Protein backbone atom coordinates (compact mmCIF):
# COMPACT_ATOMS: atom_id res chain seq x y z
CA MET A 1 -22.97 -13.38 25.13
CA ALA A 2 -20.10 -12.59 22.78
CA THR A 3 -20.51 -9.59 20.66
CA TRP A 4 -19.21 -8.95 17.10
CA ASP A 5 -16.94 -6.15 18.41
CA ASP A 6 -15.23 -8.62 20.67
CA LEU A 7 -15.01 -11.12 17.92
CA ARG A 8 -13.29 -8.62 15.65
CA VAL A 9 -10.61 -8.04 18.23
CA PHE A 10 -10.19 -11.62 18.74
CA LEU A 11 -9.55 -12.36 15.08
CA ALA A 12 -7.13 -9.35 14.85
CA LEU A 13 -5.19 -10.79 17.87
CA CYS A 14 -5.10 -14.14 16.24
CA ARG A 15 -3.59 -12.54 13.03
CA ARG A 16 -1.15 -10.24 14.61
CA GLY A 17 -0.19 -12.30 17.74
CA SER A 18 0.12 -9.23 20.10
CA HIS A 19 -1.99 -6.57 21.62
CA SER A 20 0.00 -3.83 19.87
CA GLY A 21 -0.32 -5.43 16.49
CA ALA A 22 -3.93 -6.10 16.91
CA ALA A 23 -4.36 -2.44 17.93
CA ARG A 24 -2.76 -1.30 14.82
CA LEU A 25 -4.79 -3.35 12.48
CA LEU A 26 -7.99 -2.03 14.16
CA SER A 27 -6.75 1.53 14.73
CA VAL A 28 -7.50 1.35 18.48
CA ASP A 29 -5.38 1.38 21.62
CA ALA A 30 -3.81 -1.78 23.03
CA THR A 31 -5.87 -1.36 26.30
CA THR A 32 -9.00 -1.63 24.23
CA VAL A 33 -7.79 -4.94 22.75
CA GLY A 34 -6.96 -6.28 26.21
CA ARG A 35 -10.34 -5.16 27.62
CA ARG A 36 -12.17 -6.78 24.73
CA ILE A 37 -10.46 -10.04 24.97
CA ALA A 38 -11.01 -10.18 28.61
CA ALA A 39 -14.76 -9.65 28.03
CA LEU A 40 -14.88 -12.32 25.46
CA GLU A 41 -13.10 -14.95 27.72
CA ALA A 42 -15.40 -13.91 30.47
CA ALA A 43 -18.51 -14.31 28.27
CA LEU A 44 -17.26 -17.83 27.09
CA GLY A 45 -15.84 -18.89 30.20
CA ALA A 46 -12.56 -19.99 28.67
CA ARG A 47 -9.05 -18.76 28.11
CA LEU A 48 -8.23 -17.81 24.51
CA PHE A 49 -4.53 -16.92 24.42
CA THR A 50 -1.36 -17.91 26.13
CA ARG A 51 1.97 -16.25 26.17
CA THR A 52 4.76 -17.89 24.03
CA PRO A 53 8.41 -16.76 23.10
CA GLY A 54 6.95 -15.65 19.69
CA GLY A 55 3.78 -13.63 21.22
CA LEU A 56 0.48 -14.53 22.08
CA GLY A 57 -0.70 -18.08 20.77
CA PRO A 58 -4.24 -19.35 20.64
CA THR A 59 -5.50 -21.90 23.16
CA GLU A 60 -7.53 -24.94 22.07
CA ALA A 61 -10.75 -22.94 22.98
CA ALA A 62 -9.68 -20.33 20.35
CA LEU A 63 -8.91 -22.76 17.79
CA VAL A 64 -12.34 -24.03 18.09
CA LEU A 65 -13.77 -20.47 18.09
CA LEU A 66 -11.71 -19.32 15.14
CA PRO A 67 -13.26 -20.75 12.11
CA ARG A 68 -16.62 -19.79 13.34
CA ALA A 69 -15.69 -16.16 13.96
CA GLU A 70 -14.20 -16.14 10.37
CA ARG A 71 -17.53 -17.25 9.00
CA MET A 72 -19.18 -14.41 10.90
CA GLU A 73 -16.55 -12.04 9.65
CA ALA A 74 -17.23 -13.23 6.03
CA GLU A 75 -20.98 -12.47 6.41
CA MET A 76 -20.67 -9.22 7.95
CA LEU A 77 -18.22 -8.09 5.37
CA ALA A 78 -20.51 -9.50 2.51
CA ALA A 79 -23.34 -7.45 4.07
CA GLU A 80 -21.37 -4.33 4.34
CA ARG A 81 -20.33 -4.55 0.79
CA ALA A 82 -23.78 -5.32 -0.55
CA ILE A 83 -25.16 -2.38 1.24
CA ALA A 84 -22.32 -0.01 0.22
CA GLY A 85 -22.66 -1.37 -3.32
CA SER A 86 -26.11 -0.27 -3.71
CA ASP A 87 -25.33 3.46 -2.69
CA GLU A 88 -26.16 5.69 -5.69
CA ARG A 89 -24.87 8.84 -4.00
CA VAL A 90 -21.21 10.12 -4.18
CA GLU A 91 -21.23 10.62 -0.41
CA GLY A 92 -19.58 8.97 2.37
CA GLU A 93 -16.10 7.39 3.01
CA VAL A 94 -13.81 5.88 0.56
CA ARG A 95 -10.55 4.35 1.90
CA ILE A 96 -7.78 4.33 -0.78
CA THR A 97 -4.54 2.47 -0.46
CA ALA A 98 -1.31 3.14 -2.50
CA PRO A 99 2.47 2.69 -2.12
CA ASP A 100 3.81 5.51 -0.03
CA GLY A 101 5.61 7.35 -2.90
CA THR A 102 2.57 7.12 -5.00
CA ALA A 103 0.33 8.41 -2.16
CA THR A 104 2.81 11.25 -1.17
CA PHE A 105 3.68 12.62 -4.69
CA ILE A 106 0.66 11.79 -6.97
CA LEU A 107 -2.58 11.13 -4.93
CA VAL A 108 -2.24 13.74 -2.17
CA PRO A 109 -1.69 16.84 -4.52
CA ALA A 110 -4.85 15.80 -6.39
CA LEU A 111 -7.05 15.25 -3.65
CA ALA A 112 -8.27 18.88 -3.45
CA ALA A 113 -9.60 18.42 -7.17
CA LEU A 114 -11.45 15.39 -6.30
CA ARG A 115 -13.07 16.81 -3.10
CA THR A 116 -14.09 20.01 -5.17
CA ARG A 117 -15.82 17.84 -7.60
CA HIS A 118 -17.47 15.63 -5.01
CA PRO A 119 -17.66 17.61 -1.60
CA GLY A 120 -19.64 14.70 -0.05
CA LEU A 121 -16.89 12.22 -0.07
CA THR A 122 -14.75 11.63 2.94
CA LEU A 123 -11.42 10.16 2.05
CA GLU A 124 -8.95 7.77 3.93
CA LEU A 125 -5.60 7.42 2.40
CA VAL A 126 -3.57 4.46 3.54
CA ALA A 127 0.16 4.62 2.20
CA ASP A 128 1.30 1.18 2.46
CA SER A 129 3.39 -0.94 0.15
CA ARG A 130 1.76 -4.05 1.30
CA ALA A 131 -1.26 -5.42 -0.72
CA LEU A 132 -4.09 -4.62 1.83
CA ASP A 133 -6.86 -7.14 1.68
CA LEU A 134 -9.95 -5.71 -0.08
CA VAL A 135 -12.04 -8.57 0.71
CA ARG A 136 -11.69 -7.90 4.37
CA ARG A 137 -12.39 -4.23 3.47
CA GLU A 138 -8.87 -3.01 4.78
CA ALA A 139 -9.30 -0.61 1.81
CA ASP A 140 -12.17 0.16 -0.73
CA VAL A 141 -9.80 1.00 -3.83
CA ALA A 142 -6.16 0.04 -4.24
CA VAL A 143 -3.54 1.34 -6.67
CA ARG A 144 -1.10 -1.46 -7.48
CA PHE A 145 1.90 -1.78 -9.58
CA PHE A 146 1.01 -5.37 -10.37
CA ARG A 147 -1.94 -7.28 -11.73
CA PRO A 148 -3.96 -8.58 -8.94
CA ARG A 149 -3.74 -12.31 -8.53
CA GLU A 150 -7.06 -12.54 -6.66
CA LYS A 151 -9.88 -13.55 -9.05
CA SER A 152 -12.32 -12.19 -6.78
CA LEU A 153 -11.24 -8.64 -7.35
CA VAL A 154 -12.16 -6.22 -10.08
CA ALA A 155 -9.02 -4.55 -11.76
CA GLN A 156 -8.53 -1.93 -14.34
CA ARG A 157 -5.17 -1.26 -15.92
CA ILE A 158 -4.81 2.61 -15.88
CA GLY A 159 -1.41 3.17 -16.98
CA THR A 160 2.28 2.17 -17.16
CA ILE A 161 5.03 3.35 -14.67
CA THR A 162 8.69 3.62 -15.98
CA TYR A 163 11.53 3.19 -13.76
CA ALA A 164 14.71 5.23 -14.45
CA ILE A 165 17.96 6.27 -12.64
CA TYR A 166 18.21 9.45 -10.64
CA GLY A 167 20.57 11.51 -8.69
CA GLY A 168 20.48 14.62 -6.77
CA GLU A 169 21.97 18.05 -8.09
CA SER A 170 24.42 18.23 -5.35
CA TYR A 171 25.47 14.71 -5.67
CA LEU A 172 26.06 14.99 -9.34
CA ALA A 173 27.74 18.44 -9.07
CA ARG A 174 30.25 16.56 -6.56
CA ARG A 175 30.77 13.35 -8.26
CA GLY A 176 30.01 14.04 -11.97
CA ARG A 177 27.35 12.74 -14.04
CA PRO A 178 27.62 9.16 -15.51
CA ARG A 179 27.84 9.06 -19.23
CA SER A 180 27.56 5.25 -19.60
CA LEU A 181 26.38 2.14 -17.83
CA ARG A 182 30.04 1.28 -17.04
CA GLU A 183 30.48 4.46 -15.25
CA LEU A 184 27.68 3.57 -12.76
CA ALA A 185 29.98 1.08 -11.04
CA SER A 186 31.90 3.96 -9.47
CA HIS A 187 28.94 5.67 -7.85
CA ASP A 188 27.22 5.37 -4.50
CA TRP A 189 23.77 3.93 -4.42
CA LEU A 190 20.67 4.09 -2.32
CA GLY A 191 18.47 0.91 -2.01
CA GLY A 192 15.54 -0.30 0.10
CA GLN A 193 13.48 -3.35 1.06
CA ARG A 194 10.89 -2.64 -1.55
CA THR A 195 13.40 -2.32 -4.16
CA ARG A 196 14.88 -5.61 -4.58
CA LEU A 197 14.15 -6.18 -8.20
CA HIS A 198 15.83 -2.82 -9.16
CA GLN A 199 18.73 -3.65 -6.76
CA ALA A 200 19.33 -6.84 -8.68
CA TRP A 201 19.52 -4.55 -11.83
CA VAL A 202 21.99 -2.04 -10.11
CA ARG A 203 24.24 -4.87 -9.03
CA SER A 204 24.44 -6.13 -12.53
CA VAL A 205 26.16 -2.59 -13.34
CA ALA A 206 27.72 -1.92 -10.03
CA PRO A 207 29.40 -3.83 -7.10
CA ARG A 208 27.43 -4.71 -3.96
CA GLU A 209 29.40 -2.62 -1.62
CA ARG A 210 28.18 0.65 -3.44
CA PHE A 211 24.84 0.48 -1.71
CA VAL A 212 25.75 3.08 0.90
CA VAL A 213 22.19 3.64 2.29
CA SER A 214 19.18 1.39 2.41
CA MET A 215 15.62 2.56 3.29
CA ASN A 216 12.14 0.85 3.34
CA THR A 217 10.11 3.65 1.92
CA THR A 218 10.08 5.38 -1.55
CA THR A 219 9.55 8.87 0.03
CA SER A 220 12.72 8.41 2.25
CA ARG A 221 14.60 7.41 -0.86
CA VAL A 222 13.54 10.44 -2.85
CA ALA A 223 14.54 12.64 0.10
CA ALA A 224 17.89 11.00 0.50
CA CYS A 225 18.59 11.18 -3.34
CA ALA A 226 17.57 14.79 -3.35
CA ALA A 227 19.92 15.40 -0.49
CA GLY A 228 22.80 14.24 -2.49
CA TYR A 229 23.52 10.74 -0.82
CA GLY A 230 23.58 8.65 -4.11
CA LEU A 231 21.95 7.44 -7.11
CA THR A 232 18.86 5.52 -7.02
CA VAL A 233 15.90 3.91 -9.23
CA LEU A 234 12.71 5.66 -9.20
CA GLY A 235 9.42 5.81 -11.16
CA THR A 236 9.48 8.63 -13.50
CA MET A 237 6.17 9.98 -12.48
CA ILE A 238 7.20 10.17 -8.92
CA ALA A 239 10.72 11.70 -9.47
CA LYS A 240 9.37 14.40 -11.46
CA HIS A 241 7.64 15.90 -8.43
CA GLU A 242 10.93 16.60 -6.60
CA PRO A 243 12.86 19.39 -8.59
CA ARG A 244 16.31 18.56 -7.15
CA LEU A 245 16.35 15.19 -8.87
CA VAL A 246 18.10 14.81 -12.33
CA ARG A 247 17.48 11.79 -14.57
CA VAL A 248 20.81 10.06 -15.24
CA LEU A 249 21.34 8.17 -18.61
CA PRO A 250 17.92 9.53 -20.03
CA ARG A 251 17.95 6.69 -22.78
CA VAL A 252 18.09 4.11 -20.15
CA THR A 253 14.97 2.44 -18.93
CA VAL A 254 15.39 0.08 -15.72
CA SER A 255 12.10 -1.51 -15.97
CA GLU A 256 8.17 -1.00 -16.58
CA SER A 257 5.22 -2.17 -14.86
CA GLY A 258 1.51 -1.73 -15.02
CA ILE A 259 -0.64 0.62 -12.88
CA TRP A 260 -3.87 -1.07 -11.74
CA ALA A 261 -6.97 0.47 -9.99
CA VAL A 262 -8.61 -2.42 -7.99
CA THR A 263 -11.78 -2.82 -6.03
CA HIS A 264 -14.37 -5.52 -4.71
CA PRO A 265 -17.02 -6.53 -7.23
CA ASP A 266 -19.62 -5.79 -4.67
CA LEU A 267 -18.45 -2.11 -4.81
CA ARG A 268 -17.97 -1.71 -8.56
CA ARG A 269 -21.25 0.10 -8.99
CA ASN A 270 -21.13 2.12 -5.69
CA ALA A 271 -21.30 5.90 -6.84
CA ARG A 272 -18.38 6.99 -4.46
CA VAL A 273 -16.07 4.28 -5.60
CA VAL A 274 -16.90 4.78 -9.14
CA ALA A 275 -16.04 8.62 -8.65
CA VAL A 276 -12.70 7.51 -7.20
CA MET A 277 -11.82 5.01 -9.99
CA ARG A 278 -12.55 7.49 -12.70
CA TRP A 279 -10.53 10.12 -10.83
CA LEU A 280 -7.46 7.57 -10.79
CA GLU A 281 -7.99 6.74 -14.34
CA GLY A 282 -7.82 10.55 -15.15
CA LEU A 283 -4.91 11.08 -12.86
CA PHE A 284 -2.67 8.37 -14.51
CA ALA A 285 -3.90 9.26 -18.12
CA GLY A 286 -0.59 10.50 -18.88
CA ALA A 287 0.99 7.00 -18.38
CA PRO A 288 -0.78 5.17 -21.05
CA ALA A 289 -2.68 2.17 -20.21
CA ARG A 290 -2.07 -0.97 -22.63
CA SER A 291 -5.04 -3.23 -21.51
CA ALA A 292 -7.83 -3.43 -18.94
CA VAL A 293 -9.51 -6.26 -17.04
CA GLN A 294 -13.08 -6.19 -15.90
């Protein structure tokens, strides 16, 4: 008989298309994925995946199983949330997700205070710029810089993040500090996959070829900027944690966005989730919130 553990692996493999991708999603090793799938295929007496140029593809048997496994998953997740949501103790595990720069420079330094206040909490911090699926319990609480589109989630706006231009002390000493927007065109810039909106703004004041280094995380851009590779756009609340960074053209604001603390409705009254949500609200209290959604 198929077990729920086997079906969880089956769903992960359907969603990622490879043993390694499913293993990363489930935080197990690839051999475990292979062993579980083999056990499931033996229990069902059918092959579930075939190799294709793009990875593992589902067979007809897998396509029959998939919607049924998804319904089982939805029921199991609903049961977990209902049980977790009724817990009145500030104890147990809470998984928090936030963009990597926010996690590294803002959340991590403040975790000790939260643990001191609630020693029964066990915290898992997932630094990821992707919007993890709270319905599937990839996280319990998320910090996001956009208003959630999912109507099924509970979100509270806890602040506003302002983005500005920064340069490293060594870079500015070598190249000079820009005194106007026009002077930005002669400087080197750092970009990244997660900063396309800001890159569009930069390209409106500087030519495309001035992007000399591109990175996919905020933490790497902070490090590169501080090391003197060029100018970049960063959130002010993140940049202030790196003393080697200097704000360029202090009166210029590149953009602003809301900061949202998000959870699932089934967890909104869970004591440990409430404690984390209140901690986040206090943590971002210096970034004034303009509105809230319940």
